[in-house]
Amino acid sequence: ASSGRIISRNTMGWFRQAPGKEREFVAAINWSGESTYYADSV
């Protein structure tokens, strides 16, 4: 996070987009890091 903003209260995730394809979910993590979620492909 830039500009001094914090992300500790946010769920964070990663997405990806390949050429010619729609954006897809990759992974996510809740605010504390205790729970994670993944796409089957990864």
Full PDB file with SEQRES, HELIX, SHEET, SSBOND, CRYST1, ORIGX, SCALE, CONECT and MASTER records, all heavy atoms in Angstrom:
SEQRES   1 A   42  ALA SER SER GLY ARG ILE ILE SER ARG ASN THR MET GLY          
SEQRES   2 A   42  TRP PHE ARG GLN ALA PRO GLY LYS GLU ARG GLU PHE VAL          
SEQRES   3 A   42  ALA ALA ILE ASN TRP SER GLY GLU SER THR TYR TYR ALA          
SEQRES   4 A   42  ASP SER VAL                                                  
SHEET    1 AA1 3 MET A  12  ARG A  16  0                                        
SHEET    2 AA1 3 GLU A  24  ILE A  29 -1                                        
SHEET    3 AA1 3 THR A  36  TYR A  38 -1                                        
CRYST1    1.000    1.000    1.000  90.00  90.00  90.00 P 1           1          
ORIGX1      1.000000  0.000000  0.000000        0.00000                         
ORIGX2      0.000000  1.000000  0.000000        0.00000                         
ORIGX3      0.000000  0.000000  1.000000        0.00000                         
SCALE1      1.000000  0.000000  0.000000        0.00000                         
SCALE2      0.000000  1.000000  0.000000        0.00000                         
SCALE3      0.000000  0.000000  1.000000        0.00000                         
ATOM      1  N   ALA A   1       0.848  -1.178   0.000  1.00  0.00           N  
ATOM      2  CA  ALA A   1       0.000   0.000   0.000  1.00  0.00           C  
ATOM      3  C   ALA A   1       0.887   1.232   0.000  1.00  0.00           C  
ATOM      4  O   ALA A   1       1.869   1.295   0.737  1.00  0.00           O  
ATOM      5  CB  ALA A   1      -0.907   0.004   1.216  1.00  0.00           C  
ATOM      6  N   SER A   2       0.553   2.170  -0.822  1.00  0.00           N  
ATOM      7  CA  SER A   2       1.374   3.374  -0.928  1.00  0.00           C  
ATOM      8  C   SER A   2       0.716   4.538  -0.190  1.00  0.00           C  
ATOM      9  O   SER A   2      -0.391   4.428   0.318  1.00  0.00           O  
ATOM     10  CB  SER A   2       1.597   3.743  -2.392  1.00  0.00           C  
ATOM     11  OG  SER A   2       0.358   4.032  -3.016  1.00  0.00           O  
ATOM     12  N   SER A   3       1.400   5.621  -0.162  1.00  0.00           N  
ATOM     13  CA  SER A   3       0.897   6.860   0.420  1.00  0.00           C  
ATOM     14  C   SER A   3       0.525   6.729   1.871  1.00  0.00           C  
ATOM     15  O   SER A   3      -0.364   7.419   2.368  1.00  0.00           O  
ATOM     16  CB  SER A   3      -0.323   7.379  -0.376  1.00  0.00           C  
ATOM     17  OG  SER A   3      -0.018   7.543  -1.733  1.00  0.00           O  
ATOM     18  N   GLY A   4       1.191   5.812   2.578  1.00  0.00           N  
ATOM     19  CA  GLY A   4       0.958   5.706   4.006  1.00  0.00           C  
ATOM     20  C   GLY A   4      -0.351   5.069   4.393  1.00  0.00           C  
ATOM     21  O   GLY A   4      -0.681   4.986   5.581  1.00  0.00           O  
ATOM     22  N   ARG A   5      -1.113   4.559   3.416  1.00  0.00           N  
ATOM     23  CA  ARG A   5      -2.369   3.912   3.756  1.00  0.00           C  
ATOM     24  C   ARG A   5      -2.104   2.508   4.278  1.00  0.00           C  
ATOM     25  O   ARG A   5      -1.091   1.892   3.957  1.00  0.00           O  
ATOM     26  CB  ARG A   5      -3.269   3.853   2.518  1.00  0.00           C  
ATOM     27  CG  ARG A   5      -3.567   5.203   1.912  1.00  0.00           C  
ATOM     28  CD  ARG A   5      -4.369   6.090   2.848  1.00  0.00           C  
ATOM     29  NE  ARG A   5      -5.691   5.572   3.102  1.00  0.00           N  
ATOM     30  CZ  ARG A   5      -6.737   5.806   2.314  1.00  0.00           C  
ATOM     31  NH1 ARG A   5      -6.591   6.546   1.229  1.00  0.00           N  
ATOM     32  NH2 ARG A   5      -7.911   5.318   2.618  1.00  0.00           N  
ATOM     33  N   ILE A   6      -2.983   1.996   5.096  1.00  0.00           N  
ATOM     34  CA  ILE A   6      -2.784   0.671   5.669  1.00  0.00           C  
ATOM     35  C   ILE A   6      -3.770  -0.327   5.079  1.00  0.00           C  
ATOM     36  O   ILE A   6      -4.861   0.050   4.656  1.00  0.00           O  
ATOM     37  CB  ILE A   6      -2.914   0.698   7.197  1.00  0.00           C  
ATOM     38  CG1 ILE A   6      -4.313   1.159   7.608  1.00  0.00           C  
ATOM     39  CG2 ILE A   6      -1.841   1.570   7.809  1.00  0.00           C  
ATOM     40  CD1 ILE A   6      -4.567   1.033   9.095  1.00  0.00           C  
ATOM     41  N   ILE A   7      -3.370  -1.582   5.061  1.00  0.00           N  
ATOM     42  CA  ILE A   7      -4.229  -2.625   4.515  1.00  0.00           C  
ATOM     43  C   ILE A   7      -4.607  -3.657   5.555  1.00  0.00           C  
ATOM     44  O   ILE A   7      -5.217  -4.662   5.227  1.00  0.00           O  
ATOM     45  CB  ILE A   7      -3.548  -3.331   3.320  1.00  0.00           C  
ATOM     46  CG1 ILE A   7      -2.230  -3.988   3.753  1.00  0.00           C  
ATOM     47  CG2 ILE A   7      -3.323  -2.358   2.174  1.00  0.00           C  
ATOM     48  CD1 ILE A   7      -1.628  -4.867   2.679  1.00  0.00           C  
ATOM     49  N   SER A   8      -4.249  -3.424   6.811  1.00  0.00           N  
ATOM     50  CA  SER A   8      -4.442  -4.456   7.820  1.00  0.00           C  
ATOM     51  C   SER A   8      -5.910  -4.790   8.046  1.00  0.00           C  
ATOM     52  O   SER A   8      -6.218  -5.874   8.525  1.00  0.00           O  
ATOM     53  CB  SER A   8      -3.786  -4.022   9.129  1.00  0.00           C  
ATOM     54  OG  SER A   8      -4.364  -2.817   9.603  1.00  0.00           O  
ATOM     55  N   ARG A   9      -6.819  -3.888   7.717  1.00  0.00           N  
ATOM     56  CA  ARG A   9      -8.251  -4.164   7.912  1.00  0.00           C  
ATOM     57  C   ARG A   9      -8.905  -4.696   6.647  1.00  0.00           C  
ATOM     58  O   ARG A   9     -10.114  -4.882   6.608  1.00  0.00           O  
ATOM     59  CB  ARG A   9      -8.958  -2.886   8.359  1.00  0.00           C  
ATOM     60  CG  ARG A   9      -8.486  -2.371   9.705  1.00  0.00           C  
ATOM     61  CD  ARG A   9      -9.388  -1.265  10.210  1.00  0.00           C  
ATOM     62  NE  ARG A   9      -8.929  -0.712  11.487  1.00  0.00           N  
ATOM     63  CZ  ARG A   9      -8.171   0.360  11.586  1.00  0.00           C  
ATOM     64  NH1 ARG A   9      -7.807   1.007  10.501  1.00  0.00           N  
ATOM     65  NH2 ARG A   9      -7.805   0.811  12.767  1.00  0.00           N  
ATOM     66  N   ASN A  10      -8.121  -4.917   5.606  1.00  0.00           N  
ATOM     67  CA  ASN A  10      -8.663  -5.364   4.327  1.00  0.00           C  
ATOM     68  C   ASN A  10      -8.419  -6.849   4.084  1.00  0.00           C  
ATOM     69  O   ASN A  10      -7.370  -7.377   4.448  1.00  0.00           O  
ATOM     70  CB  ASN A  10      -7.993  -4.600   3.181  1.00  0.00           C  
ATOM     71  CG  ASN A  10      -8.411  -3.147   3.131  1.00  0.00           C  
ATOM     72  OD1 ASN A  10      -9.269  -2.765   2.363  1.00  0.00           O  
ATOM     73  ND2 ASN A  10      -7.790  -2.327   3.965  1.00  0.00           N  
ATOM     74  N   THR A  11      -9.392  -7.497   3.458  1.00  0.00           N  
ATOM     75  CA  THR A  11      -9.117  -8.763   2.792  1.00  0.00           C  
ATOM     76  C   THR A  11      -8.353  -8.430   1.522  1.00  0.00           C  
ATOM     77  O   THR A  11      -8.713  -7.504   0.801  1.00  0.00           O  
ATOM     78  CB  THR A  11     -10.428  -9.482   2.446  1.00  0.00           C  
ATOM     79  OG1 THR A  11     -11.076  -9.887   3.653  1.00  0.00           O  
ATOM     80  CG2 THR A  11     -10.176 -10.695   1.573  1.00  0.00           C  
ATOM     81  N   MET A  12      -7.298  -9.173   1.267  1.00  0.00           N  
ATOM     82  CA  MET A  12      -6.466  -8.904   0.089  1.00  0.00           C  
ATOM     83  C   MET A  12      -6.499 -10.097  -0.863  1.00  0.00           C  
ATOM     84  O   MET A  12      -6.649 -11.245  -0.431  1.00  0.00           O  
ATOM     85  CB  MET A  12      -5.028  -8.627   0.519  1.00  0.00           C  
ATOM     86  CG  MET A  12      -4.881  -7.430   1.446  1.00  0.00           C  
ATOM     87  SD  MET A  12      -5.385  -5.878   0.691  1.00  0.00           S  
ATOM     88  CE  MET A  12      -4.176  -5.735  -0.623  1.00  0.00           C  
ATOM     89  N   GLY A  13      -6.339  -9.805  -2.131  1.00  0.00           N  
ATOM     90  CA  GLY A  13      -6.381 -10.889  -3.105  1.00  0.00           C  
ATOM     91  C   GLY A  13      -5.492 -10.627  -4.298  1.00  0.00           C  
ATOM     92  O   GLY A  13      -5.012  -9.508  -4.512  1.00  0.00           O  
ATOM     93  N   TRP A  14      -5.274 -11.683  -5.057  1.00  0.00           N  
ATOM     94  CA  TRP A  14      -4.565 -11.603  -6.323  1.00  0.00           C  
ATOM     95  C   TRP A  14      -5.474 -12.137  -7.428  1.00  0.00           C  
ATOM     96  O   TRP A  14      -6.140 -13.165  -7.251  1.00  0.00           O  
ATOM     97  CB  TRP A  14      -3.284 -12.441  -6.288  1.00  0.00           C  
ATOM     98  CG  TRP A  14      -2.206 -11.863  -5.425  1.00  0.00           C  
ATOM     99  CD1 TRP A  14      -1.961 -12.156  -4.126  1.00  0.00           C  
ATOM    100  CD2 TRP A  14      -1.230 -10.899  -5.817  1.00  0.00           C  
ATOM    101  NE1 TRP A  14      -0.896 -11.426  -3.671  1.00  0.00           N  
ATOM    102  CE2 TRP A  14      -0.418 -10.643  -4.697  1.00  0.00           C  
ATOM    103  CE3 TRP A  14      -0.954 -10.219  -7.005  1.00  0.00           C  
ATOM    104  CZ2 TRP A  14       0.641  -9.742  -4.726  1.00  0.00           C  
ATOM    105  CZ3 TRP A  14       0.102  -9.324  -7.035  1.00  0.00           C  
ATOM    106  CH2 TRP A  14       0.888  -9.089  -5.907  1.00  0.00           C  
ATOM    107  N   PHE A  15      -5.478 -11.435  -8.543  1.00  0.00           N  
ATOM    108  CA  PHE A  15      -6.184 -11.828  -9.742  1.00  0.00           C  
ATOM    109  C   PHE A  15      -5.180 -11.818 -10.892  1.00  0.00           C  
ATOM    110  O   PHE A  15      -4.098 -11.247 -10.768  1.00  0.00           O  
ATOM    111  CB  PHE A  15      -7.317 -10.842 -10.045  1.00  0.00           C  
ATOM    112  CG  PHE A  15      -8.439 -10.869  -9.043  1.00  0.00           C  
ATOM    113  CD1 PHE A  15      -8.288 -10.287  -7.796  1.00  0.00           C  
ATOM    114  CD2 PHE A  15      -9.651 -11.460  -9.355  1.00  0.00           C  
ATOM    115  CE1 PHE A  15      -9.324 -10.306  -6.862  1.00  0.00           C  
ATOM    116  CE2 PHE A  15     -10.693 -11.480  -8.433  1.00  0.00           C  
ATOM    117  CZ  PHE A  15     -10.521 -10.902  -7.186  1.00  0.00           C  
ATOM    118  N   ARG A  16      -5.545 -12.439 -11.998  1.00  0.00           N  
ATOM    119  CA  ARG A  16      -4.681 -12.389 -13.171  1.00  0.00           C  
ATOM    120  C   ARG A  16      -5.514 -12.333 -14.436  1.00  0.00           C  
ATOM    121  O   ARG A  16      -6.661 -12.761 -14.464  1.00  0.00           O  
ATOM    122  CB  ARG A  16      -3.738 -13.592 -13.207  1.00  0.00           C  
ATOM    123  CG  ARG A  16      -4.426 -14.933 -13.423  1.00  0.00           C  
ATOM    124  CD  ARG A  16      -3.412 -16.060 -13.274  1.00  0.00           C  
ATOM    125  NE  ARG A  16      -4.028 -17.366 -13.508  1.00  0.00           N  
ATOM    126  CZ  ARG A  16      -3.397 -18.525 -13.318  1.00  0.00           C  
ATOM    127  NH1 ARG A  16      -2.140 -18.545 -12.890  1.00  0.00           N  
ATOM    128  NH2 ARG A  16      -4.032 -19.653 -13.579  1.00  0.00           N  
ATOM    129  N   GLN A  17      -4.903 -11.780 -15.470  1.00  0.00           N  
ATOM    130  CA  GLN A  17      -5.562 -11.696 -16.764  1.00  0.00           C  
ATOM    131  C   GLN A  17      -4.560 -12.010 -17.858  1.00  0.00           C  
ATOM    132  O   GLN A  17      -3.561 -11.294 -18.016  1.00  0.00           O  
ATOM    133  CB  GLN A  17      -6.182 -10.321 -16.987  1.00  0.00           C  
ATOM    134  CG  GLN A  17      -7.030 -10.242 -18.254  1.00  0.00           C  
ATOM    135  CD  GLN A  17      -7.892  -8.996 -18.295  1.00  0.00           C  
ATOM    136  OE1 GLN A  17      -7.635  -8.015 -17.611  1.00  0.00           O  
ATOM    137  NE2 GLN A  17      -8.930  -9.037 -19.108  1.00  0.00           N  
ATOM    138  N   ALA A  18      -4.831 -13.078 -18.585  1.00  0.00           N  
ATOM    139  CA  ALA A  18      -3.991 -13.470 -19.713  1.00  0.00           C  
ATOM    140  C   ALA A  18      -4.522 -12.808 -20.980  1.00  0.00           C  
ATOM    141  O   ALA A  18      -5.699 -12.445 -21.047  1.00  0.00           O  
ATOM    142  CB  ALA A  18      -3.997 -14.984 -19.861  1.00  0.00           C  
ATOM    143  N   PRO A  19      -3.679 -12.659 -21.991  1.00  0.00           N  
ATOM    144  CA  PRO A  19      -4.120 -12.025 -23.238  1.00  0.00           C  
ATOM    145  C   PRO A  19      -5.335 -12.732 -23.828  1.00  0.00           C  
ATOM    146  O   PRO A  19      -5.345 -13.959 -23.961  1.00  0.00           O  
ATOM    147  CB  PRO A  19      -2.893 -12.158 -24.143  1.00  0.00           C  
ATOM    148  CG  PRO A  19      -1.745 -12.243 -23.215  1.00  0.00           C  
ATOM    149  CD  PRO A  19      -2.243 -12.988 -22.025  1.00  0.00           C  
ATOM    150  N   GLY A  20      -6.361 -11.964 -24.150  1.00  0.00           N  
ATOM    151  CA  GLY A  20      -7.543 -12.522 -24.776  1.00  0.00           C  
ATOM    152  C   GLY A  20      -8.474 -13.259 -23.834  1.00  0.00           C  
ATOM    153  O   GLY A  20      -9.463 -13.851 -24.286  1.00  0.00           O  
ATOM    154  N   LYS A  21      -8.161 -13.224 -22.549  1.00  0.00           N  
ATOM    155  CA  LYS A  21      -8.997 -13.927 -21.571  1.00  0.00           C  
ATOM    156  C   LYS A  21      -9.532 -12.953 -20.521  1.00  0.00           C  
ATOM    157  O   LYS A  21      -9.012 -11.846 -20.356  1.00  0.00           O  
ATOM    158  CB  LYS A  21      -8.194 -15.036 -20.891  1.00  0.00           C  
ATOM    159  CG  LYS A  21      -7.772 -16.146 -21.823  1.00  0.00           C  
ATOM    160  CD  LYS A  21      -7.135 -17.288 -21.048  1.00  0.00           C  
ATOM    161  CE  LYS A  21      -6.771 -18.439 -21.955  1.00  0.00           C  
ATOM    162  NZ  LYS A  21      -6.172 -19.581 -21.202  1.00  0.00           N  
ATOM    163  N   GLU A  22     -10.552 -13.384 -19.837  1.00  0.00           N  
ATOM    164  CA  GLU A  22     -11.107 -12.561 -18.770  1.00  0.00           C  
ATOM    165  C   GLU A  22     -10.228 -12.657 -17.528  1.00  0.00           C  
ATOM    166  O   GLU A  22      -9.494 -13.629 -17.322  1.00  0.00           O  
ATOM    167  CB  GLU A  22     -12.527 -13.015 -18.439  1.00  0.00           C  
ATOM    168  CG  GLU A  22     -13.524 -12.775 -19.566  1.00  0.00           C  
ATOM    169  CD  GLU A  22     -14.951 -13.088 -19.152  1.00  0.00           C  
ATOM    170  OE1 GLU A  22     -15.147 -13.608 -18.047  1.00  0.00           O  
ATOM    171  OE2 GLU A  22     -15.858 -12.810 -19.938  1.00  0.00           O  
ATOM    172  N   ARG A  23     -10.345 -11.630 -16.705  1.00  0.00           N  
ATOM    173  CA  ARG A  23      -9.641 -11.649 -15.432  1.00  0.00           C  
ATOM    174  C   ARG A  23     -10.160 -12.799 -14.576  1.00  0.00           C  
ATOM    175  O   ARG A  23     -11.363 -13.069 -14.540  1.00  0.00           O  
ATOM    176  CB  ARG A  23      -9.871 -10.321 -14.708  1.00  0.00           C  
ATOM    177  CG  ARG A  23      -9.162 -10.177 -13.386  1.00  0.00           C  
ATOM    178  CD  ARG A  23      -9.553  -8.876 -12.733  1.00  0.00           C  
ATOM    179  NE  ARG A  23     -10.997  -8.841 -12.519  1.00  0.00           N  
ATOM    180  CZ  ARG A  23     -11.708  -7.710 -12.469  1.00  0.00           C  
ATOM    181  NH1 ARG A  23     -11.109  -6.552 -12.626  1.00  0.00           N  
ATOM    182  NH2 ARG A  23     -13.003  -7.758 -12.277  1.00  0.00           N  
ATOM    183  N   GLU A  24      -9.255 -13.463 -13.859  1.00  0.00           N  
ATOM    184  CA  GLU A  24      -9.668 -14.565 -13.011  1.00  0.00           C  
ATOM    185  C   GLU A  24      -9.039 -14.463 -11.624  1.00  0.00           C  
ATOM    186  O   GLU A  24      -7.945 -13.928 -11.449  1.00  0.00           O  
ATOM    187  CB  GLU A  24      -9.297 -15.913 -13.641  1.00  0.00           C  
ATOM    188  CG  GLU A  24      -7.823 -16.164 -13.781  1.00  0.00           C  
ATOM    189  CD  GLU A  24      -7.520 -17.572 -14.294  1.00  0.00           C  
ATOM    190  OE1 GLU A  24      -8.459 -18.374 -14.466  1.00  0.00           O  
ATOM    191  OE2 GLU A  24      -6.327 -17.881 -14.497  1.00  0.00           O  
ATOM    192  N   PHE A  25      -9.758 -14.999 -10.674  1.00  0.00           N  
ATOM    193  CA  PHE A  25      -9.321 -15.022  -9.286  1.00  0.00           C  
ATOM    194  C   PHE A  25      -8.162 -16.002  -9.121  1.00  0.00           C  
ATOM    195  O   PHE A  25      -8.159 -17.084  -9.710  1.00  0.00           O  
ATOM    196  CB  PHE A  25     -10.497 -15.427  -8.402  1.00  0.00           C  
ATOM    197  CG  PHE A  25     -10.139 -15.722  -6.976  1.00  0.00           C  
ATOM    198  CD1 PHE A  25      -9.882 -14.693  -6.084  1.00  0.00           C  
ATOM    199  CD2 PHE A  25     -10.079 -17.019  -6.517  1.00  0.00           C  
ATOM    200  CE1 PHE A  25      -9.572 -14.952  -4.760  1.00  0.00           C  
ATOM    201  CE2 PHE A  25      -9.774 -17.311  -5.196  1.00  0.00           C  
ATOM    202  CZ  PHE A  25      -9.515 -16.268  -4.319  1.00  0.00           C  
ATOM    203  N   VAL A  26      -7.186 -15.630  -8.298  1.00  0.00           N  
ATOM    204  CA  VAL A  26      -6.054 -16.510  -8.028  1.00  0.00           C  
ATOM    205  C   VAL A  26      -6.040 -16.927  -6.554  1.00  0.00           C  
ATOM    206  O   VAL A  26      -6.008 -18.106  -6.242  1.00  0.00           O  
ATOM    207  CB  VAL A  26      -4.726 -15.818  -8.383  1.00  0.00           C  
ATOM    208  CG1 VAL A  26      -3.536 -16.695  -7.983  1.00  0.00           C  
ATOM    209  CG2 VAL A  26      -4.670 -15.483  -9.869  1.00  0.00           C  
ATOM    210  N   ALA A  27      -6.050 -15.945  -5.659  1.00  0.00           N  
ATOM    211  CA  ALA A  27      -5.942 -16.249  -4.233  1.00  0.00           C  
ATOM    212  C   ALA A  27      -6.410 -15.063  -3.407  1.00  0.00           C  
ATOM    213  O   ALA A  27      -6.430 -13.931  -3.885  1.00  0.00           O  
ATOM    214  CB  ALA A  27      -4.506 -16.599  -3.859  1.00  0.00           C  
ATOM    215  N   ALA A  28      -6.781 -15.346  -2.148  1.00  0.00           N  
ATOM    216  CA  ALA A  28      -7.184 -14.285  -1.229  1.00  0.00           C  
ATOM    217  C   ALA A  28      -6.786 -14.663   0.185  1.00  0.00           C  
ATOM    218  O   ALA A  28      -6.604 -15.842   0.505  1.00  0.00           O  
ATOM    219  CB  ALA A  28      -8.684 -14.021  -1.320  1.00  0.00           C  
ATOM    220  N   ILE A  29      -6.690 -13.631   1.034  1.00  0.00           N  
ATOM    221  CA  ILE A  29      -6.311 -13.844   2.429  1.00  0.00           C  
ATOM    222  C   ILE A  29      -7.075 -12.844   3.289  1.00  0.00           C  
ATOM    223  O   ILE A  29      -7.222 -11.679   2.915  1.00  0.00           O  
ATOM    224  CB  ILE A  29      -4.786 -13.689   2.592  1.00  0.00           C  
ATOM    225  CG1 ILE A  29      -4.332 -14.072   3.999  1.00  0.00           C  
ATOM    226  CG2 ILE A  29      -4.319 -12.283   2.221  1.00  0.00           C  
ATOM    227  CD1 ILE A  29      -2.809 -14.224   4.106  1.00  0.00           C  
ATOM    228  N   ASN A  30      -7.589 -13.298   4.425  1.00  0.00           N  
ATOM    229  CA  ASN A  30      -8.352 -12.370   5.252  1.00  0.00           C  
ATOM    230  C   ASN A  30      -7.411 -11.457   6.031  1.00  0.00           C  
ATOM    231  O   ASN A  30      -6.185 -11.585   5.949  1.00  0.00           O  
ATOM    232  CB  ASN A  30      -9.329 -13.115   6.161  1.00  0.00           C  
ATOM    233  CG  ASN A  30      -8.649 -13.802   7.325  1.00  0.00           C  
ATOM    234  OD1 ASN A  30      -7.442 -14.016   7.318  1.00  0.00           O  
ATOM    235  ND2 ASN A  30      -9.421 -14.156   8.325  1.00  0.00           N  
ATOM    236  N   TRP A  31      -7.992 -10.551   6.807  1.00  0.00           N  
ATOM    237  CA  TRP A  31      -7.207  -9.479   7.394  1.00  0.00           C  
ATOM    238  C   TRP A  31      -6.103  -9.977   8.318  1.00  0.00           C  
ATOM    239  O   TRP A  31      -5.031  -9.382   8.385  1.00  0.00           O  
ATOM    240  CB  TRP A  31      -8.118  -8.518   8.166  1.00  0.00           C  
ATOM    241  CG  TRP A  31      -8.655  -9.117   9.434  1.00  0.00           C  
ATOM    242  CD1 TRP A  31      -9.669 -10.017   9.573  1.00  0.00           C  
ATOM    243  CD2 TRP A  31      -8.154  -8.875  10.757  1.00  0.00           C  
ATOM    244  NE1 TRP A  31      -9.845 -10.348  10.881  1.00  0.00           N  
ATOM    245  CE2 TRP A  31      -8.947  -9.658  11.634  1.00  0.00           C  
ATOM    246  CE3 TRP A  31      -7.141  -8.078  11.274  1.00  0.00           C  
ATOM    247  CZ2 TRP A  31      -8.734  -9.668  13.002  1.00  0.00           C  
ATOM    248  CZ3 TRP A  31      -6.928  -8.072  12.640  1.00  0.00           C  
ATOM    249  CH2 TRP A  31      -7.723  -8.875  13.499  1.00  0.00           C  
ATOM    250  N   SER A  32      -6.345 -11.073   9.015  1.00  0.00           N  
ATOM    251  CA  SER A  32      -5.365 -11.555   9.985  1.00  0.00           C  
ATOM    252  C   SER A  32      -4.373 -12.539   9.373  1.00  0.00           C  
ATOM    253  O   SER A  32      -3.355 -12.857   9.995  1.00  0.00           O  
ATOM    254  CB  SER A  32      -6.080 -12.226  11.144  1.00  0.00           C  
ATOM    255  OG  SER A  32      -6.734 -13.405  10.700  1.00  0.00           O  
ATOM    256  N   GLY A  33      -4.697 -13.048   8.207  1.00  0.00           N  
ATOM    257  CA  GLY A  33      -3.840 -14.052   7.582  1.00  0.00           C  
ATOM    258  C   GLY A  33      -4.183 -15.474   7.979  1.00  0.00           C  
ATOM    259  O   GLY A  33      -3.547 -16.412   7.503  1.00  0.00           O  
ATOM    260  N   GLU A  34      -5.189 -15.649   8.813  1.00  0.00           N  
ATOM    261  CA  GLU A  34      -5.499 -16.992   9.307  1.00  0.00           C  
ATOM    262  C   GLU A  34      -6.289 -17.821   8.305  1.00  0.00           C  
ATOM    263  O   GLU A  34      -6.336 -19.047   8.435  1.00  0.00           O  
ATOM    264  CB  GLU A  34      -6.278 -16.903  10.618  1.00  0.00           C  
ATOM    265  CG  GLU A  34      -7.633 -16.242  10.488  1.00  0.00           C  
ATOM    266  CD  GLU A  34      -8.347 -16.104  11.818  1.00  0.00           C  
ATOM    267  OE1 GLU A  34      -7.708 -16.328  12.855  1.00  0.00           O  
ATOM    268  OE2 GLU A  34      -9.538 -15.766  11.817  1.00  0.00           O  
ATOM    269  N   SER A  35      -6.896 -17.170   7.340  1.00  0.00           N  
ATOM    270  CA  SER A  35      -7.679 -17.897   6.339  1.00  0.00           C  
ATOM    271  C   SER A  35      -7.229 -17.504   4.937  1.00  0.00           C  
ATOM    272  O   SER A  35      -7.075 -16.306   4.649  1.00  0.00           O  
ATOM    273  CB  SER A  35      -9.170 -17.592   6.489  1.00  0.00           C  
ATOM    274  OG  SER A  35      -9.653 -18.042   7.735  1.00  0.00           O  
ATOM    275  N   THR A  36      -7.018 -18.508   4.098  1.00  0.00           N  
ATOM    276  CA  THR A  36      -6.609 -18.274   2.719  1.00  0.00           C  
ATOM    277  C   THR A  36      -7.514 -19.048   1.769  1.00  0.00           C  
ATOM    278  O   THR A  36      -8.115 -20.061   2.150  1.00  0.00           O  
ATOM    279  CB  THR A  36      -5.146 -18.686   2.495  1.00  0.00           C  
ATOM    280  OG1 THR A  36      -4.995 -20.067   2.852  1.00  0.00           O  
ATOM    281  CG2 THR A  36      -4.204 -17.836   3.318  1.00  0.00           C  
ATOM    282  N   TYR A  37      -7.576 -18.576   0.534  1.00  0.00           N  
ATOM    283  CA  TYR A  37      -8.477 -19.145  -0.463  1.00  0.00           C  
ATOM    284  C   TYR A  37      -7.738 -19.165  -1.794  1.00  0.00           C  
ATOM    285  O   TYR A  37      -7.022 -18.210  -2.116  1.00  0.00           O  
ATOM    286  CB  TYR A  37      -9.736 -18.282  -0.576  1.00  0.00           C  
ATOM    287  CG  TYR A  37     -10.376 -18.009   0.775  1.00  0.00           C  
ATOM    288  CD1 TYR A  37      -9.924 -16.967   1.572  1.00  0.00           C  
ATOM    289  CD2 TYR A  37     -11.390 -18.819   1.259  1.00  0.00           C  
ATOM    290  CE1 TYR A  37     -10.469 -16.730   2.822  1.00  0.00           C  
ATOM    291  CE2 TYR A  37     -11.955 -18.584   2.511  1.00  0.00           C  
ATOM    292  CZ  TYR A  37     -11.481 -17.544   3.284  1.00  0.00           C  
ATOM    293  OH  TYR A  37     -12.024 -17.313   4.524  1.00  0.00           O  
ATOM    294  N   TYR A  38      -7.932 -20.236  -2.566  1.00  0.00           N  
ATOM    295  CA  TYR A  38      -7.198 -20.382  -3.812  1.00  0.00           C  
ATOM    296  C   TYR A  38      -8.098 -20.881  -4.929  1.00  0.00           C  
ATOM    297  O   TYR A  38      -9.027 -21.664  -4.697  1.00  0.00           O  
ATOM    298  CB  TYR A  38      -6.051 -21.385  -3.637  1.00  0.00           C  
ATOM    299  CG  TYR A  38      -4.998 -20.938  -2.657  1.00  0.00           C  
ATOM    300  CD1 TYR A  38      -5.036 -21.343  -1.332  1.00  0.00           C  
ATOM    301  CD2 TYR A  38      -3.953 -20.102  -3.063  1.00  0.00           C  
ATOM    302  CE1 TYR A  38      -4.079 -20.919  -0.430  1.00  0.00           C  
ATOM    303  CE2 TYR A  38      -2.986 -19.683  -2.164  1.00  0.00           C  
ATOM    304  CZ  TYR A  38      -3.066 -20.100  -0.845  1.00  0.00           C  
ATOM    305  OH  TYR A  38      -2.101 -19.684   0.048  1.00  0.00           O  
ATOM    306  N   ALA A  39      -7.770 -20.474  -6.140  1.00  0.00           N  
ATOM    307  CA  ALA A  39      -8.367 -21.082  -7.317  1.00  0.00           C  
ATOM    308  C   ALA A  39      -7.827 -22.491  -7.456  1.00  0.00           C  
ATOM    309  O   ALA A  39      -6.666 -22.761  -7.106  1.00  0.00           O  
ATOM    310  CB  ALA A  39      -8.042 -20.258  -8.557  1.00  0.00           C  
ATOM    311  N   ASP A  40      -8.642 -23.384  -7.987  1.00  0.00           N  
ATOM    312  CA  ASP A  40      -8.212 -24.772  -8.135  1.00  0.00           C  
ATOM    313  C   ASP A  40      -6.950 -24.879  -8.982  1.00  0.00           C  
ATOM    314  O   ASP A  40      -6.114 -25.754  -8.760  1.00  0.00           O  
ATOM    315  CB  ASP A  40      -9.333 -25.602  -8.769  1.00  0.00           C  
ATOM    316  CG  ASP A  40     -10.497 -25.837  -7.825  1.00  0.00           C  
ATOM    317  OD1 ASP A  40     -10.319 -25.656  -6.599  1.00  0.00           O  
ATOM    318  OD2 ASP A  40     -11.583 -26.199  -8.312  1.00  0.00           O  
ATOM    319  N   SER A  41      -6.807 -23.992  -9.945  1.00  0.00           N  
ATOM    320  CA  SER A  41      -5.687 -24.083 -10.884  1.00  0.00           C  
ATOM    321  C   SER A  41      -4.334 -23.799 -10.229  1.00  0.00           C  
ATOM    322  O   SER A  41      -3.296 -24.129 -10.797  1.00  0.00           O  
ATOM    323  CB  SER A  41      -5.897 -23.116 -12.041  1.00  0.00           C  
ATOM    324  OG  SER A  41      -6.024 -21.791 -11.564  1.00  0.00           O  
ATOM    325  N   VAL A  42      -4.336 -23.182  -9.045  1.00  0.00           N  
ATOM    326  CA  VAL A  42      -3.065 -22.834  -8.404  1.00  0.00           C  
ATOM    327  C   VAL A  42      -2.871 -23.508  -7.049  1.00  0.00           C  
ATOM    328  O   VAL A  42      -1.808 -23.370  -6.440  1.00  0.00           O  
ATOM    329  CB  VAL A  42      -2.910 -21.299  -8.241  1.00  0.00           C  
ATOM    330  CG1 VAL A  42      -3.105 -20.600  -9.577  1.00  0.00           C  
ATOM    331  CG2 VAL A  42      -3.873 -20.753  -7.202  1.00  0.00           C  
TER     332      VAL A  42                                                      
MASTER        0    0    0    0    3    0    0    6  331    1    0    4          
END                                                                             
